[in-house]
Amino acid sequence: MHFPVNITIGKSHIPVHFVCETLSYFVGYRYYLYLRRQTVDQISDHNRLLIFIGAAFGAFVGSHVVGVLENPMLLSHFGLIYFMGNKTIVGGMLGGLIGVELTKKQIGVTVSSGDMMVYPLILAMIIGRTGCFLAGLEDGTYGIASNLPWAIDFGDGIRRHPTNLYEIIFWLLLWVALQLIEKKHSFAGGARFKVFMVSYLLFRLLIEFIKPDYFFDFGLSVIQLVCISGILYYYKVFLYPSKLIKAYA
């Protein structure tokens, strides 16, 4: 396979990464609508829309702010183009979380709004990371050099950890794990989303060690520091895990 993978139409080329990213939004949202039709939503359509707007705005800001801070050595290049060209999922998730919580506080919504989004988000992440993998070196989500049998040459002659594939495997395993849990138990309100967030933050905290990030002298990267802050926010998941389960199904 040659990276990056593009779709050729006549003399034009469409990056598969762009196609996958677009599909991730479309398919993820359609899946969310499907799930919402199968359940009784305690949040009105109007408030759901406001929450989506808050999530989108927070995710946009968080994704780009953390993306810009990811490499402090390049902050001298800061500008609109640099800001828009750098983004990260971790920042988007936590920024979206902040946006949702602030919006819910303003409109008086007290019930969990994230549980219904978990499976659509997982599906969207799988599609999106497939695009990251097919983008090769251009996407910047590859790992450090490796001699492991499954290491991949993304086009520069260096075999690397396919960390984007690792993430796809992580999402698939998390999806299966959540499904297995929910066959025997019922999550308490908001618990499914908390497990989703904590699991991903822990995964990213660890996987960043095999990615060519900028690490501070104390051995951690900006992404890892953001992950730790998110994990601390959800500290009750670790202190009171039994409260995640509401009742036997």
C-alpha atoms as a PDB file:
ATOM      1  CA  MET A   1       0.000   0.000   0.000  1.00  0.00           C
ATOM      2  CA  HIS A   2       1.228   3.485  -0.867  1.00  0.00           C
ATOM      3  CA  PHE A   3       0.528   6.405   1.478  1.00  0.00           C
ATOM      4  CA  PRO A   4      -1.316   8.714   1.420  1.00  0.00           C
ATOM      5  CA  VAL A   5      -4.264   6.939  -0.180  1.00  0.00           C
ATOM      6  CA  ASN A   6      -6.284   9.144  -2.536  1.00  0.00           C
ATOM      7  CA  ILE A   7      -9.321   8.673  -4.746  1.00  0.00           C
ATOM      8  CA  THR A   8      -8.518   9.593  -8.341  1.00  0.00           C
ATOM      9  CA  ILE A   9     -11.251  11.206 -10.398  1.00  0.00           C
ATOM     10  CA  GLY A  10      -9.925  12.199 -13.793  1.00  0.00           C
ATOM     11  CA  LYS A  11      -6.988  14.486 -13.127  1.00  0.00           C
ATOM     12  CA  SER A  12      -8.117  15.282  -9.610  1.00  0.00           C
ATOM     13  CA  HIS A  13      -7.332  13.518  -6.358  1.00  0.00           C
ATOM     14  CA  ILE A  14      -9.563  13.425  -3.288  1.00  0.00           C
ATOM     15  CA  PRO A  15      -7.791  12.441  -0.046  1.00  0.00           C
ATOM     16  CA  VAL A  16      -9.432   9.406   1.549  1.00  0.00           C
ATOM     17  CA  HIS A  17      -8.746  11.099   4.882  1.00  0.00           C
ATOM     18  CA  PHE A  18     -11.133  13.904   3.930  1.00  0.00           C
ATOM     19  CA  VAL A  19     -13.747  11.399   2.768  1.00  0.00           C
ATOM     20  CA  CYS A  20     -13.500   9.402   6.006  1.00  0.00           C
ATOM     21  CA  GLU A  21     -13.648  12.523   8.168  1.00  0.00           C
ATOM     22  CA  THR A  22     -16.787  13.694   6.364  1.00  0.00           C
ATOM     23  CA  LEU A  23     -18.348  10.245   6.616  1.00  0.00           C
ATOM     24  CA  SER A  24     -17.563  10.058  10.327  1.00  0.00           C
ATOM     25  CA  TYR A  25     -19.699  13.140  11.005  1.00  0.00           C
ATOM     26  CA  PHE A  26     -22.532  12.033   8.717  1.00  0.00           C
ATOM     27  CA  VAL A  27     -22.690   8.369   9.741  1.00  0.00           C
ATOM     28  CA  GLY A  28     -22.178   9.131  13.431  1.00  0.00           C
ATOM     29  CA  TYR A  29     -25.025  11.654  13.430  1.00  0.00           C
ATOM     30  CA  ARG A  30     -27.357   9.344  11.512  1.00  0.00           C
ATOM     31  CA  TYR A  31     -26.614   6.568  13.984  1.00  0.00           C
ATOM     32  CA  TYR A  32     -27.380   8.943  16.852  1.00  0.00           C
ATOM     33  CA  LEU A  33     -30.746   9.829  15.276  1.00  0.00           C
ATOM     34  CA  TYR A  34     -31.500   6.124  14.887  1.00  0.00           C
ATOM     35  CA  LEU A  35     -30.714   5.404  18.547  1.00  0.00           C
ATOM     36  CA  ARG A  36     -32.726   8.385  19.706  1.00  0.00           C
ATOM     37  CA  ARG A  37     -35.792   7.067  17.890  1.00  0.00           C
ATOM     38  CA  GLN A  38     -35.428   3.793  19.812  1.00  0.00           C
ATOM     39  CA  THR A  39     -35.407   5.431  23.247  1.00  0.00           C
ATOM     40  CA  VAL A  40     -37.387   7.952  25.290  1.00  0.00           C
ATOM     41  CA  ASP A  41     -35.292  11.106  25.434  1.00  0.00           C
ATOM     42  CA  GLN A  42     -35.796  13.176  28.588  1.00  0.00           C
ATOM     43  CA  ILE A  43     -34.330  16.205  26.822  1.00  0.00           C
ATOM     44  CA  SER A  44     -36.523  18.208  24.432  1.00  0.00           C
ATOM     45  CA  ASP A  45     -35.598  18.716  20.776  1.00  0.00           C
ATOM     46  CA  HIS A  46     -34.955  22.411  21.421  1.00  0.00           C
ATOM     47  CA  ASN A  47     -32.623  21.768  24.332  1.00  0.00           C
ATOM     48  CA  ARG A  48     -30.875  18.976  22.428  1.00  0.00           C
ATOM     49  CA  LEU A  49     -30.136  21.438  19.651  1.00  0.00           C
ATOM     50  CA  LEU A  50     -28.724  23.970  22.100  1.00  0.00           C
ATOM     51  CA  ILE A  51     -26.577  21.258  23.696  1.00  0.00           C
ATOM     52  CA  PHE A  52     -25.286  20.210  20.268  1.00  0.00           C
ATOM     53  CA  ILE A  53     -24.355  23.807  19.489  1.00  0.00           C
ATOM     54  CA  GLY A  54     -22.562  24.114  22.826  1.00  0.00           C
ATOM     55  CA  ALA A  55     -20.743  20.829  22.227  1.00  0.00           C
ATOM     56  CA  ALA A  56     -19.718  21.822  18.699  1.00  0.00           C
ATOM     57  CA  PHE A  57     -18.409  25.226  19.782  1.00  0.00           C
ATOM     58  CA  GLY A  58     -16.547  23.772  22.760  1.00  0.00           C
ATOM     59  CA  ALA A  59     -15.080  20.962  20.660  1.00  0.00           C
ATOM     60  CA  PHE A  60     -13.919  23.422  17.992  1.00  0.00           C
ATOM     61  CA  VAL A  61     -12.169  25.684  20.481  1.00  0.00           C
ATOM     62  CA  GLY A  62     -10.755  22.874  22.613  1.00  0.00           C
ATOM     63  CA  SER A  63      -9.504  20.885  19.642  1.00  0.00           C
ATOM     64  CA  HIS A  64      -7.596  23.790  18.125  1.00  0.00           C
ATOM     65  CA  VAL A  65      -6.297  25.288  21.387  1.00  0.00           C
ATOM     66  CA  VAL A  66      -4.805  21.975  22.552  1.00  0.00           C
ATOM     67  CA  GLY A  67      -3.586  21.313  19.004  1.00  0.00           C
ATOM     68  CA  VAL A  68      -1.709  24.619  18.978  1.00  0.00           C
ATOM     69  CA  LEU A  69      -0.207  23.971  22.418  1.00  0.00           C
ATOM     70  CA  GLU A  70       0.816  20.429  21.448  1.00  0.00           C
ATOM     71  CA  ASN A  71       4.234  21.655  20.341  1.00  0.00           C
ATOM     72  CA  PRO A  72       5.250  24.719  22.406  1.00  0.00           C
ATOM     73  CA  MET A  73       8.388  25.146  20.276  1.00  0.00           C
ATOM     74  CA  LEU A  74       6.207  26.212  17.323  1.00  0.00           C
ATOM     75  CA  LEU A  75       4.106  28.818  19.128  1.00  0.00           C
ATOM     76  CA  SER A  76       6.146  31.548  17.450  1.00  0.00           C
ATOM     77  CA  HIS A  77       4.307  30.592  14.232  1.00  0.00           C
ATOM     78  CA  PHE A  78       0.931  31.295  15.833  1.00  0.00           C
ATOM     79  CA  GLY A  79      -1.645  32.827  13.525  1.00  0.00           C
ATOM     80  CA  LEU A  80      -5.068  32.068  12.113  1.00  0.00           C
ATOM     81  CA  ILE A  81      -3.760  29.537   9.578  1.00  0.00           C
ATOM     82  CA  TYR A  82      -1.617  27.830  12.215  1.00  0.00           C
ATOM     83  CA  PHE A  83      -4.552  27.795  14.650  1.00  0.00           C
ATOM     84  CA  MET A  84      -6.945  26.257  12.105  1.00  0.00           C
ATOM     85  CA  GLY A  85      -4.357  23.743  10.907  1.00  0.00           C
ATOM     86  CA  ASN A  86      -3.756  22.176  14.308  1.00  0.00           C
ATOM     87  CA  LYS A  87      -6.364  20.148  16.157  1.00  0.00           C
ATOM     88  CA  THR A  88      -6.579  17.098  18.380  1.00  0.00           C
ATOM     89  CA  ILE A  89      -9.381  14.757  19.414  1.00  0.00           C
ATOM     90  CA  VAL A  90      -8.532  14.919  23.118  1.00  0.00           C
ATOM     91  CA  GLY A  91      -8.919  18.699  23.124  1.00  0.00           C
ATOM     92  CA  GLY A  92     -12.118  18.381  21.111  1.00  0.00           C
ATOM     93  CA  MET A  93     -13.628  15.900  23.552  1.00  0.00           C
ATOM     94  CA  LEU A  94     -12.831  17.882  26.681  1.00  0.00           C
ATOM     95  CA  GLY A  95     -13.726  21.175  25.013  1.00  0.00           C
ATOM     96  CA  GLY A  96     -17.017  19.660  23.901  1.00  0.00           C
ATOM     97  CA  LEU A  97     -17.632  18.437  27.449  1.00  0.00           C
ATOM     98  CA  ILE A  98     -17.083  21.933  28.836  1.00  0.00           C
ATOM     99  CA  GLY A  99     -19.354  23.388  26.152  1.00  0.00           C
ATOM    100  CA  VAL A 100     -22.109  20.900  26.999  1.00  0.00           C
ATOM    101  CA  GLU A 101     -21.910  21.431  30.747  1.00  0.00           C
ATOM    102  CA  LEU A 102     -22.003  25.234  30.407  1.00  0.00           C
ATOM    103  CA  THR A 103     -24.949  25.036  27.997  1.00  0.00           C
ATOM    104  CA  LYS A 104     -26.890  22.642  30.238  1.00  0.00           C
ATOM    105  CA  LYS A 105     -26.335  24.954  33.199  1.00  0.00           C
ATOM    106  CA  GLN A 106     -27.691  27.899  31.218  1.00  0.00           C
ATOM    107  CA  ILE A 107     -30.834  26.102  30.012  1.00  0.00           C
ATOM    108  CA  GLY A 108     -31.491  24.214  33.242  1.00  0.00           C
ATOM    109  CA  VAL A 109     -30.963  20.648  32.011  1.00  0.00           C
ATOM    110  CA  THR A 110     -29.870  18.369  34.850  1.00  0.00           C
ATOM    111  CA  VAL A 111     -30.136  14.880  33.289  1.00  0.00           C
ATOM    112  CA  SER A 112     -27.272  13.221  31.434  1.00  0.00           C
ATOM    113  CA  SER A 113     -27.021  14.160  27.762  1.00  0.00           C
ATOM    114  CA  GLY A 114     -23.968  12.133  26.771  1.00  0.00           C
ATOM    115  CA  ASP A 115     -25.041   8.509  27.151  1.00  0.00           C
ATOM    116  CA  MET A 116     -26.912   8.470  23.861  1.00  0.00           C
ATOM    117  CA  MET A 117     -23.854   9.818  22.044  1.00  0.00           C
ATOM    118  CA  VAL A 118     -21.399   7.121  23.136  1.00  0.00           C
ATOM    119  CA  TYR A 119     -21.947   4.518  20.413  1.00  0.00           C
ATOM    120  CA  PRO A 120     -22.305   7.101  17.608  1.00  0.00           C
ATOM    121  CA  LEU A 121     -19.058   8.717  18.771  1.00  0.00           C
ATOM    122  CA  ILE A 122     -17.266   5.366  18.812  1.00  0.00           C
ATOM    123  CA  LEU A 123     -18.467   4.639  15.272  1.00  0.00           C
ATOM    124  CA  ALA A 124     -17.403   8.103  14.122  1.00  0.00           C
ATOM    125  CA  MET A 125     -13.964   7.647  15.718  1.00  0.00           C
ATOM    126  CA  ILE A 126     -13.436   4.325  13.966  1.00  0.00           C
ATOM    127  CA  ILE A 127     -14.264   5.858  10.580  1.00  0.00           C
ATOM    128  CA  GLY A 128     -12.183   8.942  11.272  1.00  0.00           C
ATOM    129  CA  ARG A 129      -9.120   7.031  12.437  1.00  0.00           C
ATOM    130  CA  THR A 130      -9.341   4.848   9.345  1.00  0.00           C
ATOM    131  CA  GLY A 131      -8.864   8.047   7.381  1.00  0.00           C
ATOM    132  CA  CYS A 132      -5.942   9.034   9.613  1.00  0.00           C
ATOM    133  CA  PHE A 133      -4.261   5.709   8.897  1.00  0.00           C
ATOM    134  CA  LEU A 134      -4.762   6.006   5.143  1.00  0.00           C
ATOM    135  CA  ALA A 135      -3.357   9.560   5.224  1.00  0.00           C
ATOM    136  CA  GLY A 136       0.030   8.167   6.259  1.00  0.00           C
ATOM    137  CA  LEU A 137       2.616  10.722   7.345  1.00  0.00           C
ATOM    138  CA  GLU A 138       0.485  13.697   6.322  1.00  0.00           C
ATOM    139  CA  ASP A 139      -1.889  13.254   9.249  1.00  0.00           C
ATOM    140  CA  GLY A 140       0.754  13.122  11.969  1.00  0.00           C
ATOM    141  CA  THR A 141      -0.993  10.417  14.018  1.00  0.00           C
ATOM    142  CA  TYR A 142       1.620   7.709  13.419  1.00  0.00           C
ATOM    143  CA  GLY A 143       3.904   6.272  16.093  1.00  0.00           C
ATOM    144  CA  ILE A 144       7.639   6.142  16.656  1.00  0.00           C
ATOM    145  CA  ALA A 145       9.960   3.756  14.839  1.00  0.00           C
ATOM    146  CA  SER A 146       9.471   0.087  15.652  1.00  0.00           C
ATOM    147  CA  ASN A 147      10.808  -3.330  14.648  1.00  0.00           C
ATOM    148  CA  LEU A 148       7.612  -5.143  15.578  1.00  0.00           C
ATOM    149  CA  PRO A 149       6.213  -7.469  12.882  1.00  0.00           C
ATOM    150  CA  TRP A 150       3.168  -5.255  12.360  1.00  0.00           C
ATOM    151  CA  ALA A 151       5.107  -1.979  12.132  1.00  0.00           C
ATOM    152  CA  ILE A 152       4.274  -0.071   8.946  1.00  0.00           C
ATOM    153  CA  ASP A 153       6.309   2.058   6.550  1.00  0.00           C
ATOM    154  CA  PHE A 154       4.101   5.071   5.833  1.00  0.00           C
ATOM    155  CA  GLY A 155       6.257   6.200   2.943  1.00  0.00           C
ATOM    156  CA  ASP A 156       9.523   7.508   4.394  1.00  0.00           C
ATOM    157  CA  GLY A 157      11.311   4.169   4.681  1.00  0.00           C
ATOM    158  CA  ILE A 158      10.876   3.972   8.475  1.00  0.00           C
ATOM    159  CA  ARG A 159       8.721   1.238  10.002  1.00  0.00           C
ATOM    160  CA  ARG A 160       6.547   2.749  12.712  1.00  0.00           C
ATOM    161  CA  HIS A 161       3.887   1.841  15.257  1.00  0.00           C
ATOM    162  CA  PRO A 162       0.502   2.184  13.481  1.00  0.00           C
ATOM    163  CA  THR A 163      -0.974   4.013  16.463  1.00  0.00           C
ATOM    164  CA  ASN A 164      -4.058   4.977  14.471  1.00  0.00           C
ATOM    165  CA  LEU A 165      -4.803   1.264  13.990  1.00  0.00           C
ATOM    166  CA  TYR A 166      -4.196   0.691  17.695  1.00  0.00           C
ATOM    167  CA  GLU A 167      -6.862   3.287  18.381  1.00  0.00           C
ATOM    168  CA  ILE A 168      -9.329   1.608  16.021  1.00  0.00           C
ATOM    169  CA  ILE A 169      -8.777  -1.661  17.890  1.00  0.00           C
ATOM    170  CA  PHE A 170      -9.287   0.175  21.179  1.00  0.00           C
ATOM    171  CA  TRP A 171     -12.625   1.587  20.011  1.00  0.00           C
ATOM    172  CA  LEU A 172     -13.818  -1.814  18.802  1.00  0.00           C
ATOM    173  CA  LEU A 173     -12.885  -3.439  22.122  1.00  0.00           C
ATOM    174  CA  LEU A 174     -14.579  -0.670  24.099  1.00  0.00           C
ATOM    175  CA  TRP A 175     -17.745  -1.045  22.017  1.00  0.00           C
ATOM    176  CA  VAL A 176     -17.811  -4.805  22.642  1.00  0.00           C
ATOM    177  CA  ALA A 177     -17.060  -4.342  26.356  1.00  0.00           C
ATOM    178  CA  LEU A 178     -19.879  -1.837  26.817  1.00  0.00           C
ATOM    179  CA  GLN A 179     -22.295  -4.103  24.959  1.00  0.00           C
ATOM    180  CA  LEU A 180     -21.355  -7.078  27.139  1.00  0.00           C
ATOM    181  CA  ILE A 181     -21.785  -5.039  30.326  1.00  0.00           C
ATOM    182  CA  GLU A 182     -25.182  -3.780  29.218  1.00  0.00           C
ATOM    183  CA  LYS A 183     -26.421  -7.297  28.544  1.00  0.00           C
ATOM    184  CA  LYS A 184     -26.314  -7.980  32.287  1.00  0.00           C
ATOM    185  CA  HIS A 185     -26.444  -4.533  33.889  1.00  0.00           C
ATOM    186  CA  SER A 186     -27.928  -1.096  33.416  1.00  0.00           C
ATOM    187  CA  PHE A 187     -25.634   1.913  33.593  1.00  0.00           C
ATOM    188  CA  ALA A 188     -26.670   4.721  35.916  1.00  0.00           C
ATOM    189  CA  GLY A 189     -27.481   8.005  34.212  1.00  0.00           C
ATOM    190  CA  GLY A 190     -24.326   9.447  32.672  1.00  0.00           C
ATOM    191  CA  ALA A 191     -22.210   6.400  33.594  1.00  0.00           C
ATOM    192  CA  ARG A 192     -21.836   5.076  30.054  1.00  0.00           C
ATOM    193  CA  PHE A 193     -20.418   8.423  28.917  1.00  0.00           C
ATOM    194  CA  LYS A 194     -18.091   8.599  31.923  1.00  0.00           C
ATOM    195  CA  VAL A 195     -16.704   5.130  31.140  1.00  0.00           C
ATOM    196  CA  PHE A 196     -16.302   6.187  27.504  1.00  0.00           C
ATOM    197  CA  MET A 197     -14.372   9.325  28.417  1.00  0.00           C
ATOM    198  CA  VAL A 198     -12.180   7.810  31.124  1.00  0.00           C
ATOM    199  CA  SER A 199     -11.306   4.809  28.953  1.00  0.00           C
ATOM    200  CA  TYR A 200     -10.227   6.983  26.043  1.00  0.00           C
ATOM    201  CA  LEU A 201      -8.265   9.413  28.216  1.00  0.00           C
ATOM    202  CA  LEU A 202      -6.380   6.510  29.802  1.00  0.00           C
ATOM    203  CA  PHE A 203      -5.709   5.015  26.384  1.00  0.00           C
ATOM    204  CA  ARG A 204      -4.369   8.300  25.004  1.00  0.00           C
ATOM    205  CA  LEU A 205      -2.284   8.902  28.120  1.00  0.00           C
ATOM    206  CA  LEU A 206      -0.481   5.606  27.478  1.00  0.00           C
ATOM    207  CA  ILE A 207      -0.372   5.557  23.669  1.00  0.00           C
ATOM    208  CA  GLU A 208       1.282   8.993  23.540  1.00  0.00           C
ATOM    209  CA  PHE A 209       4.470   7.429  24.904  1.00  0.00           C
ATOM    210  CA  ILE A 210       4.998   5.711  21.537  1.00  0.00           C
ATOM    211  CA  LYS A 211       4.189   8.756  19.438  1.00  0.00           C
ATOM    212  CA  PRO A 212       6.726  11.377  18.305  1.00  0.00           C
ATOM    213  CA  ASP A 213       5.302  14.113  20.538  1.00  0.00           C
ATOM    214  CA  TYR A 214       7.012  17.020  22.205  1.00  0.00           C
ATOM    215  CA  PHE A 215       7.759  15.908  25.778  1.00  0.00           C
ATOM    216  CA  PHE A 216       8.618  18.274  28.606  1.00  0.00           C
ATOM    217  CA  ASP A 217      11.639  17.612  30.813  1.00  0.00           C
ATOM    218  CA  PHE A 218       9.407  15.800  33.320  1.00  0.00           C
ATOM    219  CA  GLY A 219       8.529  13.204  30.667  1.00  0.00           C
ATOM    220  CA  LEU A 220       4.974  14.108  29.673  1.00  0.00           C
ATOM    221  CA  SER A 221       3.464  15.801  26.618  1.00  0.00           C
ATOM    222  CA  VAL A 222       0.745  18.461  26.425  1.00  0.00           C
ATOM    223  CA  ILE A 223      -1.757  15.817  25.298  1.00  0.00           C
ATOM    224  CA  GLN A 224      -0.905  13.671  28.317  1.00  0.00           C
ATOM    225  CA  LEU A 225      -1.300  16.615  30.693  1.00  0.00           C
ATOM    226  CA  VAL A 226      -4.728  17.315  29.197  1.00  0.00           C
ATOM    227  CA  CYS A 227      -5.621  13.623  29.566  1.00  0.00           C
ATOM    228  CA  ILE A 228      -4.592  13.678  33.221  1.00  0.00           C
ATOM    229  CA  SER A 229      -6.744  16.751  33.858  1.00  0.00           C
ATOM    230  CA  GLY A 230      -9.716  14.960  32.288  1.00  0.00           C
ATOM    231  CA  ILE A 231      -9.089  11.813  34.324  1.00  0.00           C
ATOM    232  CA  LEU A 232      -8.938  13.886  37.530  1.00  0.00           C
ATOM    233  CA  TYR A 233     -12.270  15.471  36.579  1.00  0.00           C
ATOM    234  CA  TYR A 234     -13.768  11.984  36.533  1.00  0.00           C
ATOM    235  CA  TYR A 235     -12.027  10.837  39.727  1.00  0.00           C
ATOM    236  CA  LYS A 236     -15.308   9.515  41.178  1.00  0.00           C
ATOM    237  CA  VAL A 237     -15.338   6.788  38.521  1.00  0.00           C
ATOM    238  CA  PHE A 238     -12.302   5.268  40.249  1.00  0.00           C
ATOM    239  CA  LEU A 239     -13.415   5.932  43.832  1.00  0.00           C
ATOM    240  CA  TYR A 240     -17.002   4.699  43.442  1.00  0.00           C
ATOM    241  CA  PRO A 241     -17.104   2.252  40.493  1.00  0.00           C
ATOM    242  CA  SER A 242     -20.156   0.481  41.941  1.00  0.00           C
ATOM    243  CA  LYS A 243     -22.209   3.626  41.385  1.00  0.00           C
ATOM    244  CA  LEU A 244     -21.801   3.251  37.638  1.00  0.00           C
ATOM    245  CA  ILE A 245     -24.248   0.357  37.650  1.00  0.00           C
ATOM    246  CA  LYS A 246     -27.893   1.169  38.324  1.00  0.00           C
ATOM    247  CA  ALA A 247     -29.430  -2.281  38.504  1.00  0.00           C
ATOM    248  CA  TYR A 248     -29.408  -5.722  36.981  1.00  0.00           C
ATOM    249  CA  ALA A 249     -31.169  -5.763  33.630  1.00  0.00           C
END
